[in-house]
PDB file of N, CA and C in Angstrom:
ATOM      1  N   MET A   1     117.679 154.139  96.469  1.00  0.00           N
ATOM      2  CA  MET A   1     118.195 152.481  97.168  1.00  0.00           C
ATOM      3  C   MET A   1     119.817 152.821  97.750  1.00  0.00           C
ATOM      4  N   ALA A   2     120.406 152.789  98.508  1.00  0.00           N
ATOM      5  CA  ALA A   2     121.928 152.125  98.584  1.00  0.00           C
ATOM      6  C   ALA A   2     122.685 151.099  97.961  1.00  0.00           C
ATOM      7  N   PRO A   3     123.417 151.018  97.737  1.00  0.00           N
ATOM      8  CA  PRO A   3     123.978 149.611  96.968  1.00  0.00           C
ATOM      9  C   PRO A   3     123.616 148.552  98.173  1.00  0.00           C
ATOM     10  N   ASP A   4     123.618 149.311  99.457  1.00  0.00           N
ATOM     11  CA  ASP A   4     124.006 148.155 100.355  1.00  0.00           C
ATOM     12  C   ASP A   4     123.067 147.902 100.611  1.00  0.00           C
ATOM     13  N   ASP A   5     121.729 148.101 100.757  1.00  0.00           N
ATOM     14  CA  ASP A   5     120.704 148.074 100.464  1.00  0.00           C
ATOM     15  C   ASP A   5     120.335 146.485  99.844  1.00  0.00           C
ATOM     16  N   PHE A   6     120.654 146.959  98.410  1.00  0.00           N
ATOM     17  CA  PHE A   6     120.471 145.704  97.001  1.00  0.00           C
ATOM     18  C   PHE A   6     121.296 144.849  97.247  1.00  0.00           C
ATOM     19  N   GLU A   7     122.830 144.993  98.243  1.00  0.00           N
ATOM     20  CA  GLU A   7     123.594 143.408  98.555  1.00  0.00           C
ATOM     21  C   GLU A   7     122.905 142.807 100.095  1.00  0.00           C
ATOM     22  N   ALA A   8     122.225 144.166 101.424  1.00  0.00           N
ATOM     23  CA  ALA A   8     122.068 143.107 101.926  1.00  0.00           C
ATOM     24  C   ALA A   8     120.750 141.945 101.251  1.00  0.00           C
ATOM     25  N   ARG A   9     119.736 142.953 100.174  1.00  0.00           N
ATOM     26  CA  ARG A   9     118.323 142.131 100.431  1.00  0.00           C
ATOM     27  C   ARG A   9     119.012 140.857  98.575  1.00  0.00           C
ATOM     28  N   ARG A  10     119.866 140.989  97.968  1.00  0.00           N
ATOM     29  CA  ARG A  10     120.389 139.600  97.072  1.00  0.00           C
ATOM     30  C   ARG A  10     121.360 138.847  98.342  1.00  0.00           C
ATOM     31  N   ARG A  11     121.318 138.586  98.934  1.00  0.00           N
ATOM     32  CA  ARG A  11     122.503 137.731 100.117  1.00  0.00           C
ATOM     33  C   ARG A  11     120.909 137.375 101.168  1.00  0.00           C
ATOM     34  N   ARG A  12     119.683 138.249 101.405  1.00  0.00           N
ATOM     35  CA  ARG A  12     118.607 137.269 101.679  1.00  0.00           C
ATOM     36  C   ARG A  12     117.989 136.346 101.062  1.00  0.00           C
ATOM     37  N   LEU A  13     117.561 137.095  99.784  1.00  0.00           N
ATOM     38  CA  LEU A  13     117.000 135.975  99.110  1.00  0.00           C
ATOM     39  C   LEU A  13     118.145 135.208  97.965  1.00  0.00           C
ATOM     40  N   ARG A  14     119.985 134.551  98.286  1.00  0.00           N
ATOM     41  CA  ARG A  14     120.728 133.769  97.740  1.00  0.00           C
ATOM     42  C   ARG A  14     120.427 132.874  99.185  1.00  0.00           C
ATOM     43  N   ASN A  15     120.508 133.494 100.929  1.00  0.00           N
ATOM     44  CA  ASN A  15     119.942 132.377 101.247  1.00  0.00           C
ATOM     45  C   ASN A  15     118.865 131.937 101.214  1.00  0.00           C
ATOM     46  N   THR A  16     117.196 132.024 101.483  1.00  0.00           N
ATOM     47  CA  THR A  16     115.960 131.720 100.950  1.00  0.00           C
ATOM     48  C   THR A  16     116.128 130.687 100.065  1.00  0.00           C
ATOM     49  N   LEU A  17     117.088 131.322  99.086  1.00  0.00           N
ATOM     50  CA  LEU A  17     116.706 130.229  97.284  1.00  0.00           C
ATOM     51  C   LEU A  17     117.187 128.987  98.147  1.00  0.00           C
ATOM     52  N   LYS A  18     118.535 128.806  99.061  1.00  0.00           N
ATOM     53  CA  LYS A  18     119.646 127.738  99.272  1.00  0.00           C
ATOM     54  C   LYS A  18     119.085 126.603 100.300  1.00  0.00           C
ATOM     55  N   GLU A  19     117.976 127.662 101.722  1.00  0.00           N
ATOM     56  CA  GLU A  19     117.413 126.721 102.738  1.00  0.00           C
ATOM     57  C   GLU A  19     116.431 126.100 101.399  1.00  0.00           C
ATOM     58  N   HIS A  20     115.674 127.044 100.488  1.00  0.00           N
ATOM     59  CA  HIS A  20     114.110 126.190  99.634  1.00  0.00           C
ATOM     60  C   HIS A  20     114.820 125.504  98.635  1.00  0.00           C
ATOM     61  N   ASP A  21     116.419 125.575  98.602  1.00  0.00           N
ATOM     62  CA  ASP A  21     116.047 123.715  97.476  1.00  0.00           C
ATOM     63  C   ASP A  21     117.155 123.307  98.557  1.00  0.00           C
ATOM     64  N   ALA A  22     117.392 123.004  99.352  1.00  0.00           N
ATOM     65  CA  ALA A  22     118.032 121.924 100.366  1.00  0.00           C
ATOM     66  C   ALA A  22     116.670 121.466 100.748  1.00  0.00           C
ATOM     67  N   ALA A  23     115.804 122.349 101.505  1.00  0.00           N
ATOM     68  CA  ALA A  23     113.848 121.646 101.552  1.00  0.00           C
ATOM     69  C   ALA A  23     113.771 120.561 100.557  1.00  0.00           C
ATOM     70  N   GLU A  24     113.744 121.110  99.205  1.00  0.00           N
ATOM     71  CA  GLU A  24     113.750 120.633  98.275  1.00  0.00           C
ATOM     72  C   GLU A  24     114.382 118.748  98.082  1.00  0.00           C
ATOM     73  N   ALA A  25     114.821 119.386  98.220  1.00  0.00           N
ATOM     74  CA  ALA A  25     116.239 117.844  97.889  1.00  0.00           C
ATOM     75  C   ALA A  25     115.895 116.940  99.364  1.00  0.00           C
ATOM     76  N   ALA A  26     116.131 117.786 100.024  1.00  0.00           N
ATOM     77  CA  ALA A  26     115.176 116.368 101.400  1.00  0.00           C
ATOM     78  C   ALA A  26     114.079 116.246 101.263  1.00  0.00           C
ATOM     79  N   GLU A  27     113.320 116.404 100.558  1.00  0.00           N
ATOM     80  CA  GLU A  27     111.549 115.955  99.856  1.00  0.00           C
ATOM     81  C   GLU A  27     112.227 114.832  99.180  1.00  0.00           C
ATOM     82  N   LYS A  28     112.612 115.375  98.362  1.00  0.00           N
ATOM     83  CA  LYS A  28     112.734 114.401  97.003  1.00  0.00           C
ATOM     84  C   LYS A  28     113.718 112.759  97.577  1.00  0.00           C
ATOM     85  N   ALA A  29     114.560 113.029  98.173  1.00  0.00           N
ATOM     86  CA  ALA A  29     114.903 111.876  98.436  1.00  0.00           C
ATOM     87  C   ALA A  29     114.151 111.127 100.168  1.00  0.00           C
ATOM     88  N   ARG A  30     113.526 111.746 100.447  1.00  0.00           N
ATOM     89  CA  ARG A  30     112.595 111.034 101.430  1.00  0.00           C
ATOM     90  C   ARG A  30     111.446 110.743 100.250  1.00  0.00           C
ATOM     91  N   TYR A  31     110.964 111.207  99.158  1.00  0.00           N
ATOM     92  CA  TYR A  31     110.270 110.324  98.408  1.00  0.00           C
ATOM     93  C   TYR A  31     110.604 109.211  97.825  1.00  0.00           C
ATOM     94  N   GLU A  32     111.908 109.197  97.604  1.00  0.00           N
ATOM     95  CA  GLU A  32     112.817 108.282  96.825  1.00  0.00           C
ATOM     96  C   GLU A  32     112.874 107.085  97.925  1.00  0.00           C
ATOM     97  N   ARG A  33     113.416 107.260  99.082  1.00  0.00           N
ATOM     98  CA  ARG A  33     113.198 106.037  99.714  1.00  0.00           C
ATOM     99  C   ARG A  33     111.966 105.232 100.230  1.00  0.00           C
ATOM    100  N   SER A  34     110.985 106.091 100.644  1.00  0.00           N
ATOM    101  CA  SER A  34     110.059 106.005 100.539  1.00  0.00           C
ATOM    102  C   SER A  34     109.310 105.193  99.741  1.00  0.00           C
ATOM    103  N   SER A  35     109.084 105.689  98.149  1.00  0.00           N
ATOM    104  CA  SER A  35     109.076 104.336  97.252  1.00  0.00           C
ATOM    105  C   SER A  35     109.664 103.368  96.562  1.00  0.00           C
ATOM    106  N   MET A  36     111.131 103.510  96.931  1.00  0.00           N
ATOM    107  CA  MET A  36     111.452 102.507  96.602  1.00  0.00           C
ATOM    108  C   MET A  36     111.101 101.367  97.690  1.00  0.00           C
ATOM    109  N   ALA A  37     111.265 101.568  99.246  1.00  0.00           N
ATOM    110  CA  ALA A  37     110.816 100.403 100.387  1.00  0.00           C
ATOM    111  C   ALA A  37     109.196  99.822 100.073  1.00  0.00           C
ATOM    112  N   GLY A  38     108.370 100.411  99.027  1.00  0.00           N
ATOM    113  CA  GLY A  38     107.318 100.454  99.136  1.00  0.00           C
ATOM    114  C   GLY A  38     107.613  99.269  98.009  1.00  0.00           C
ATOM    115  N   TYR A  39     108.296  99.444  96.616  1.00  0.00           N
ATOM    116  CA  TYR A  39     108.582  98.520  95.905  1.00  0.00           C
ATOM    117  C   TYR A  39     108.986  96.965  96.537  1.00  0.00           C
ATOM    118  N   ALA A  40     109.998  97.823  96.864  1.00  0.00           N
ATOM    119  CA  ALA A  40     110.858  96.060  97.798  1.00  0.00           C
ATOM    120  C   ALA A  40     109.628  95.461  98.694  1.00  0.00           C
ATOM    121  N   ALA A  41     108.344  95.993  99.305  1.00  0.00           N
ATOM    122  CA  ALA A  41     107.795  95.438 100.215  1.00  0.00           C
ATOM    123  C   ALA A  41     106.524  94.559  99.400  1.00  0.00           C
ATOM    124  N   ALA A  42     106.458  95.151  98.187  1.00  0.00           N
ATOM    125  CA  ALA A  42     105.274  94.529  97.164  1.00  0.00           C
ATOM    126  C   ALA A  42     106.319  93.349  96.552  1.00  0.00           C
ATOM    127  N   PHE A  43     107.473  93.524  96.014  1.00  0.00           N
ATOM    128  CA  PHE A  43     108.215  92.364  95.790  1.00  0.00           C
ATOM    129  C   PHE A  43     108.258  91.178  96.315  1.00  0.00           C
ATOM    130  N   ARG A  44     108.131  91.796  97.355  1.00  0.00           N
ATOM    131  CA  ARG A  44     108.778  90.525  98.376  1.00  0.00           C
ATOM    132  C   ARG A  44     107.482  89.789  99.317  1.00  0.00           C
ATOM    133  N   LEU A  45     106.437  90.709  98.911  1.00  0.00           N
ATOM    134  CA  LEU A  45     104.869  90.396  98.954  1.00  0.00           C
ATOM    135  C   LEU A  45     104.366  88.869  97.950  1.00  0.00           C
ATOM    136  N   SER A  46     104.928  89.762  96.602  1.00  0.00           N
ATOM    137  CA  SER A  46     104.379  88.367  95.739  1.00  0.00           C
ATOM    138  C   SER A  46     105.257  87.313  95.107  1.00  0.00           C
ATOM    139  N   THR A  47     106.407  87.694  95.721  1.00  0.00           N
ATOM    140  CA  THR A  47     107.251  86.663  95.812  1.00  0.00           C
ATOM    141  C   THR A  47     106.766  85.380  96.918  1.00  0.00           C
ATOM    142  N   GLU A  48     107.144  85.761  98.093  1.00  0.00           N
ATOM    143  CA  GLU A  48     106.300  84.364  99.171  1.00  0.00           C
ATOM    144  C   GLU A  48     104.848  84.273  98.891  1.00  0.00           C
ATOM    145  N   PHE A  49     104.009  84.718  97.967  1.00  0.00           N
ATOM    146  CA  PHE A  49     102.321  84.587  97.355  1.00  0.00           C
ATOM    147  C   PHE A  49     102.687  83.440  96.094  1.00  0.00           C
ATOM    148  N   ILE A  50     103.754  83.811  95.039  1.00  0.00           N
ATOM    149  CA  ILE A  50     104.104  83.360  93.855  1.00  0.00           C
ATOM    150  C   ILE A  50     105.125  81.392  94.701  1.00  0.00           C
ATOM    151  N   SER A  51     105.876  82.033  95.409  1.00  0.00           N
ATOM    152  CA  SER A  51     106.309  80.393  96.127  1.00  0.00           C
ATOM    153  C   SER A  51     105.777  79.126  96.987  1.00  0.00           C
ATOM    154  N   ALA A  52     105.021  80.133  97.311  1.00  0.00           N
ATOM    155  CA  ALA A  52     104.070  79.117  98.281  1.00  0.00           C
ATOM    156  C   ALA A  52     102.827  77.782  97.596  1.00  0.00           C
ATOM    157  N   ILE A  53     102.585  79.387  96.308  1.00  0.00           N
ATOM    158  CA  ILE A  53     102.112  78.504  94.675  1.00  0.00           C
ATOM    159  C   ILE A  53     102.637  76.988  94.812  1.00  0.00           C
ATOM    160  N   ALA A  54     103.837  77.472  93.865  1.00  0.00           N
ATOM    161  CA  ALA A  54     104.627  76.843  93.245  1.00  0.00           C
ATOM    162  C   ALA A  54     105.407  75.749  93.894  1.00  0.00           C
ATOM    163  N   VAL A  55     105.464  75.877  95.859  1.00  0.00           N
ATOM    164  CA  VAL A  55     105.850  74.098  96.276  1.00  0.00           C
ATOM    165  C   VAL A  55     104.782  73.618  96.464  1.00  0.00           C
ATOM    166  N   GLY A  56     102.765  74.044  96.687  1.00  0.00           N
ATOM    167  CA  GLY A  56     101.798  73.483  96.975  1.00  0.00           C
ATOM    168  C   GLY A  56     101.601  72.706  95.266  1.00  0.00           C
ATOM    169  N   PHE A  57     102.288  73.160  94.498  1.00  0.00           N
ATOM    170  CA  PHE A  57     102.018  72.567  93.179  1.00  0.00           C
ATOM    171  C   PHE A  57     103.414  71.605  92.731  1.00  0.00           C
ATOM    172  N   GLY A  58     104.248  71.667  93.284  1.00  0.00           N
ATOM    173  CA  GLY A  58     105.123  70.821  92.989  1.00  0.00           C
ATOM    174  C   GLY A  58     105.207  69.716  93.926  1.00  0.00           C
ATOM    175  N   LEU A  59     105.033  69.727  95.323  1.00  0.00           N
ATOM    176  CA  LEU A  59     104.466  69.015  96.062  1.00  0.00           C
ATOM    177  C   LEU A  59     103.376  67.819  95.530  1.00  0.00           C
ATOM    178  N   GLY A  60     102.333  68.793  95.102  1.00  0.00           N
ATOM    179  CA  GLY A  60     101.143  67.547  94.129  1.00  0.00           C
ATOM    180  C   GLY A  60     101.649  66.614  93.784  1.00  0.00           C
ATOM    181  N   TYR A  61     101.959  67.427  92.726  1.00  0.00           N
ATOM    182  CA  TYR A  61     103.169  67.070  91.511  1.00  0.00           C
ATOM    183  C   TYR A  61     103.893  65.465  91.755  1.00  0.00           C
ATOM    184  N   LEU A  62     105.197  65.916  92.312  1.00  0.00           N
ATOM    185  CA  LEU A  62     105.354  64.621  93.319  1.00  0.00           C
ATOM    186  C   LEU A  62     104.505  63.480  93.977  1.00  0.00           C
ATOM    187  N   ALA A  63     103.803  64.311  94.751  1.00  0.00           N
ATOM    188  CA  ALA A  63     102.389  62.480  95.635  1.00  0.00           C
ATOM    189  C   ALA A  63     102.161  61.735  94.623  1.00  0.00           C
ATOM    190  N   ASP A  64     101.310  63.004  93.442  1.00  0.00           N
ATOM    191  CA  ASP A  64     100.441  62.217  92.162  1.00  0.00           C
ATOM    192  C   ASP A  64     101.719  61.160  91.630  1.00  0.00           C
ATOM    193  N   TRP A  65     102.771  61.532  91.352  1.00  0.00           N
ATOM    194  CA  TRP A  65     103.610  60.448  90.353  1.00  0.00           C
ATOM    195  C   TRP A  65     104.286  59.805  91.025  1.00  0.00           C
ATOM    196  N   ALA A  66     104.137  59.770  92.251  1.00  0.00           N
ATOM    197  CA  ALA A  66     104.115  58.467  93.124  1.00  0.00           C
ATOM    198  C   ALA A  66     103.382  57.428  93.422  1.00  0.00           C
ATOM    199  N   LEU A  67     101.613  57.643  93.362  1.00  0.00           N
ATOM    200  CA  LEU A  67     101.273  57.547  94.542  1.00  0.00           C
ATOM    201  C   LEU A  67     100.891  57.334  93.636  1.00  0.00           C
ATOM    202  N   GLY A  68     100.566  57.301  92.373  1.00  0.00           N
ATOM    203  CA  GLY A  68      99.543  57.689  91.293  1.00  0.00           C
ATOM    204  C   GLY A  68      98.429  57.967  90.881  1.00  0.00           C
ATOM    205  N   THR A  69      97.977  59.075  91.343  1.00  0.00           N
ATOM    206  CA  THR A  69      96.539  59.550  91.789  1.00  0.00           C
ATOM    207  C   THR A  69      96.350  60.512  91.022  1.00  0.00           C
ATOM    208  N   THR A  70      96.692  60.872  89.925  1.00  0.00           N
ATOM    209  CA  THR A  70      96.912  62.161  89.088  1.00  0.00           C
ATOM    210  C   THR A  70      95.698  62.195  88.742  1.00  0.00           C
ATOM    211  N   PRO A  71      94.952  63.477  88.842  1.00  0.00           N
ATOM    212  CA  PRO A  71      95.367  65.276  88.897  1.00  0.00           C
ATOM    213  C   PRO A  71      95.161  65.415  90.914  1.00  0.00           C
ATOM    214  N   TRP A  72      94.099  64.604  91.459  1.00  0.00           N
ATOM    215  CA  TRP A  72      93.783  65.240  92.538  1.00  0.00           C
ATOM    216  C   TRP A  72      94.921  65.242  93.744  1.00  0.00           C
ATOM    217  N   LEU A  73      95.942  65.060  94.191  1.00  0.00           N
ATOM    218  CA  LEU A  73      96.460  65.678  95.094  1.00  0.00           C
ATOM    219  C   LEU A  73      97.714  66.851  95.259  1.00  0.00           C
ATOM    220  N   MET A  74      97.426  66.949  93.157  1.00  0.00           N
ATOM    221  CA  MET A  74      97.920  68.054  92.908  1.00  0.00           C
ATOM    222  C   MET A  74      97.200  69.039  93.178  1.00  0.00           C
ATOM    223  N   ILE A  75      95.593  69.122  92.881  1.00  0.00           N
ATOM    224  CA  ILE A  75      94.880  69.712  93.013  1.00  0.00           C
ATOM    225  C   ILE A  75      94.421  70.856  94.728  1.00  0.00           C
ATOM    226  N   VAL A  76      94.760  69.168  95.569  1.00  0.00           N
ATOM    227  CA  VAL A  76      94.355  69.479  96.646  1.00  0.00           C
ATOM    228  C   VAL A  76      95.375  70.416  97.097  1.00  0.00           C
ATOM    229  N   LEU A  77      96.821  70.375  97.210  1.00  0.00           N
ATOM    230  CA  LEU A  77      98.499  70.841  97.450  1.00  0.00           C
ATOM    231  C   LEU A  77      98.181  72.168  96.836  1.00  0.00           C
ATOM    232  N   LEU A  78      97.850  72.260  95.793  1.00  0.00           N
ATOM    233  CA  LEU A  78      97.799  73.177  95.100  1.00  0.00           C
ATOM    234  C   LEU A  78      96.818  74.487  95.685  1.00  0.00           C
ATOM    235  N   LEU A  79      95.845  74.402  95.711  1.00  0.00           N
ATOM    236  CA  LEU A  79      94.633  74.471  97.219  1.00  0.00           C
ATOM    237  C   LEU A  79      95.263  75.354  98.239  1.00  0.00           C
ATOM    238  N   LEU A  80      96.127  74.134  98.661  1.00  0.00           N
ATOM    239  CA  LEU A  80      96.663  74.659 100.004  1.00  0.00           C
ATOM    240  C   LEU A  80      97.817  75.775  99.942  1.00  0.00           C
ATOM    241  N   GLY A  81      98.908  75.464  99.095  1.00  0.00           N
ATOM    242  CA  GLY A  81      99.623  76.504  98.417  1.00  0.00           C
ATOM    243  C   GLY A  81      99.253  78.093  98.397  1.00  0.00           C
ATOM    244  N   PHE A  82      98.061  78.363  97.879  1.00  0.00           N
ATOM    245  CA  PHE A  82      97.286  78.957  97.412  1.00  0.00           C
ATOM    246  C   PHE A  82      97.074  79.356  98.649  1.00  0.00           C
ATOM    247  N   ALA A  83      96.035  78.612 100.137  1.00  0.00           N
ATOM    248  CA  ALA A  83      95.247  79.169 101.080  1.00  0.00           C
ATOM    249  C   ALA A  83      96.285  79.955 101.883  1.00  0.00           C
ATOM    250  N   ALA A  84      98.002  78.847 101.904  1.00  0.00           N
ATOM    251  CA  ALA A  84      99.143  79.224 102.534  1.00  0.00           C
ATOM    252  C   ALA A  84      99.957  80.546 101.798  1.00  0.00           C
ATOM    253  N   GLY A  85      99.741  80.987 101.198  1.00  0.00           N
ATOM    254  CA  GLY A  85      99.896  82.395 100.548  1.00  0.00           C
ATOM    255  C   GLY A  85      99.415  83.403 100.187  1.00  0.00           C
ATOM    256  N   VAL A  86      98.289  83.622 100.418  1.00  0.00           N
ATOM    257  CA  VAL A  86      97.060  84.065 100.997  1.00  0.00           C
ATOM    258  C   VAL A  86      97.849  84.767 102.690  1.00  0.00           C
ATOM    259  N   LEU A  87      98.064  83.389 103.699  1.00  0.00           N
ATOM    260  CA  LEU A  87      97.743  83.731 104.636  1.00  0.00           C
ATOM    261  C   LEU A  87      99.243  84.428 105.111  1.00  0.00           C
ATOM    262  N   ASN A  88     100.193  84.056 104.770  1.00  0.00           N
ATOM    263  CA  ASN A  88     101.863  84.858 104.391  1.00  0.00           C
ATOM    264  C   ASN A  88     101.414  86.307 103.874  1.00  0.00           C
ATOM    265  N   VAL A  89     100.783  86.930 103.066  1.00  0.00           N
ATOM    266  CA  VAL A  89     100.746  87.900 102.260  1.00  0.00           C
ATOM    267  C   VAL A  89      99.783  88.888 104.042  1.00  0.00           C
ATOM    268  N   LEU A  90      98.910  88.018 104.080  1.00  0.00           N
ATOM    269  CA  LEU A  90      98.210  89.198 105.118  1.00  0.00           C
ATOM    270  C   LEU A  90      99.241  88.807 106.281  1.00  0.00           C
ATOM    271  N   ARG A  91      99.953  87.777 106.837  1.00  0.00           N
ATOM    272  CA  ARG A  91     100.779  87.978 107.646  1.00  0.00           C
ATOM    273  C   ARG A  91     101.983  89.035 107.487  1.00  0.00           C
ATOM    274  N   SER A  92     102.417  89.387 106.675  1.00  0.00           N
ATOM    275  CA  SER A  92     103.856  90.384 106.158  1.00  0.00           C
ATOM    276  C   SER A  92     103.289  91.597 106.171  1.00  0.00           C
ATOM    277  N   ALA A  93     102.070  91.648 105.484  1.00  0.00           N
ATOM    278  CA  ALA A  93     101.636  92.900 105.306  1.00  0.00           C
ATOM    279  C   ALA A  93     100.962  93.532 106.270  1.00  0.00           C
ATOM    280  N   GLY A  94     101.274  92.480 107.214  1.00  0.00           N
ATOM    281  CA  GLY A  94     100.549  92.825 109.235  1.00  0.00           C
ATOM    282  C   GLY A  94      98.948  93.146 109.418  1.00  0.00           C
ATOM    283  N   LEU A  95      98.135  92.739 108.332  1.00  0.00           N
ATOM    284  CA  LEU A  95      96.506  92.991 108.326  1.00  0.00           C
ATOM    285  C   LEU A  95      96.233  91.139 109.317  1.00  0.00           C
ATOM    286  N   ILE A  96      97.211  90.460 109.825  1.00  0.00           N
ATOM    287  CA  ILE A  96      96.332  89.298 111.162  1.00  0.00           C
ATOM    288  C   ILE A  96      98.178  88.689 111.471  1.00  0.00           C
ATOM    289  N   GLN A  97      97.985  88.797 113.008  1.00  0.00           N
ATOM    290  CA  GLN A  97      98.676  88.335 113.759  1.00  0.00           C
ATOM    291  C   GLN A  97      99.280  86.942 113.513  1.00  0.00           C
ATOM    292  N   THR A  98     100.546  87.005 113.921  1.00  0.00           N
ATOM    293  CA  THR A  98     101.528  86.062 113.589  1.00  0.00           C
ATOM    294  C   THR A  98     100.305  84.906 115.301  1.00  0.00           C
ATOM    295  N   PRO A  99     100.269  83.544 115.168  1.00  0.00           N
ATOM    296  CA  PRO A  99      99.843  82.989 116.753  1.00  0.00           C
ATOM    297  C   PRO A  99     101.507  83.024 116.944  1.00  0.00           C
ATOM    298  N   GLN A 100     100.867  82.720 118.412  1.00  0.00           N
ATOM    299  CA  GLN A 100     102.049  82.858 119.792  1.00  0.00           C
ATOM    300  C   GLN A 100     101.474  81.717 120.920  1.00  0.00           C
ATOM    301  N   VAL A 101     102.205  81.458 121.558  1.00  0.00           N
ATOM    302  CA  VAL A 101     102.287  80.152 122.169  1.00  0.00           C
ATOM    303  C   VAL A 101     101.961  80.825 123.421  1.00  0.00           C
ATOM    304  N   GLY A 102     100.871  80.011 123.614  1.00  0.00           N
ATOM    305  CA  GLY A 102     100.576  81.259 125.327  1.00  0.00           C
ATOM    306  C   GLY A 102      99.953  81.982 125.175  1.00  0.00           C
ATOM    307  N   LYS A 103      99.646  83.219 124.309  1.00  0.00           N
ATOM    308  CA  LYS A 103      98.638  84.243 123.848  1.00  0.00           C
ATOM    309  C   LYS A 103      97.332  83.782 123.316  1.00  0.00           C
ATOM    310  N   ARG A 104      96.824  82.676 124.069  1.00  0.00           N
ATOM    311  CA  ARG A 104      95.581  82.325 123.452  1.00  0.00           C
ATOM    312  C   ARG A 104      93.940  82.433 125.277  1.00  0.00           C
ATOM    313  N   ARG A 105      93.295  83.336 124.054  1.00  0.00           N
ATOM    314  CA  ARG A 105      91.903  83.856 125.750  1.00  0.00           C
ATOM    315  C   ARG A 105      91.860  82.479 126.261  1.00  0.00           C
ATOM    316  N   PRO A 106      91.028  82.580 127.504  1.00  0.00           N
ATOM    317  CA  PRO A 106      91.120  81.674 128.587  1.00  0.00           C
ATOM    318  C   PRO A 106      89.350  81.244 127.238  1.00  0.00           C
ATOM    319  N   ASP A 107      88.556  81.685 126.485  1.00  0.00           N
ATOM    320  CA  ASP A 107      87.676  80.980 126.241  1.00  0.00           C
ATOM    321  C   ASP A 107      87.763  80.169 124.906  1.00  0.00           C
ATOM    322  N   GLY A 108      89.563  80.606 124.696  1.00  0.00           N
ATOM    323  CA  GLY A 108      89.231  78.899 123.660  1.00  0.00           C
ATOM    324  C   GLY A 108      89.734  80.152 122.216  1.00  0.00           C
ATOM    325  N   THR A 109      89.851  81.199 121.906  1.00  0.00           N
ATOM    326  CA  THR A 109      89.083  81.960 121.107  1.00  0.00           C
ATOM    327  C   THR A 109      90.558  82.393 120.939  1.00  0.00           C
TER     328      THR A 109
END
């Protein structure tokens, strides 16, 4: 084989390796972006859930303290906070739709 053939093969191989490295770098960057977006969504959903429970607990505690009904209002509002947190998480995750005014069906459902 002539030296020119080796040089041409080496250039083709170098170009192929550059293309492969560029594709691999792009795939790695796409994976890192998607995993960070997943972490951000998980953190946001958990924060919404915990904050709803904390607000329910806090309001219940204050209402019990003010009205002297310890611990009944705290328990009720804690459960309502839990339900609100679950509802917020389901809405944020897109598993249920947010209600819209005027979008109800004629049968009332």
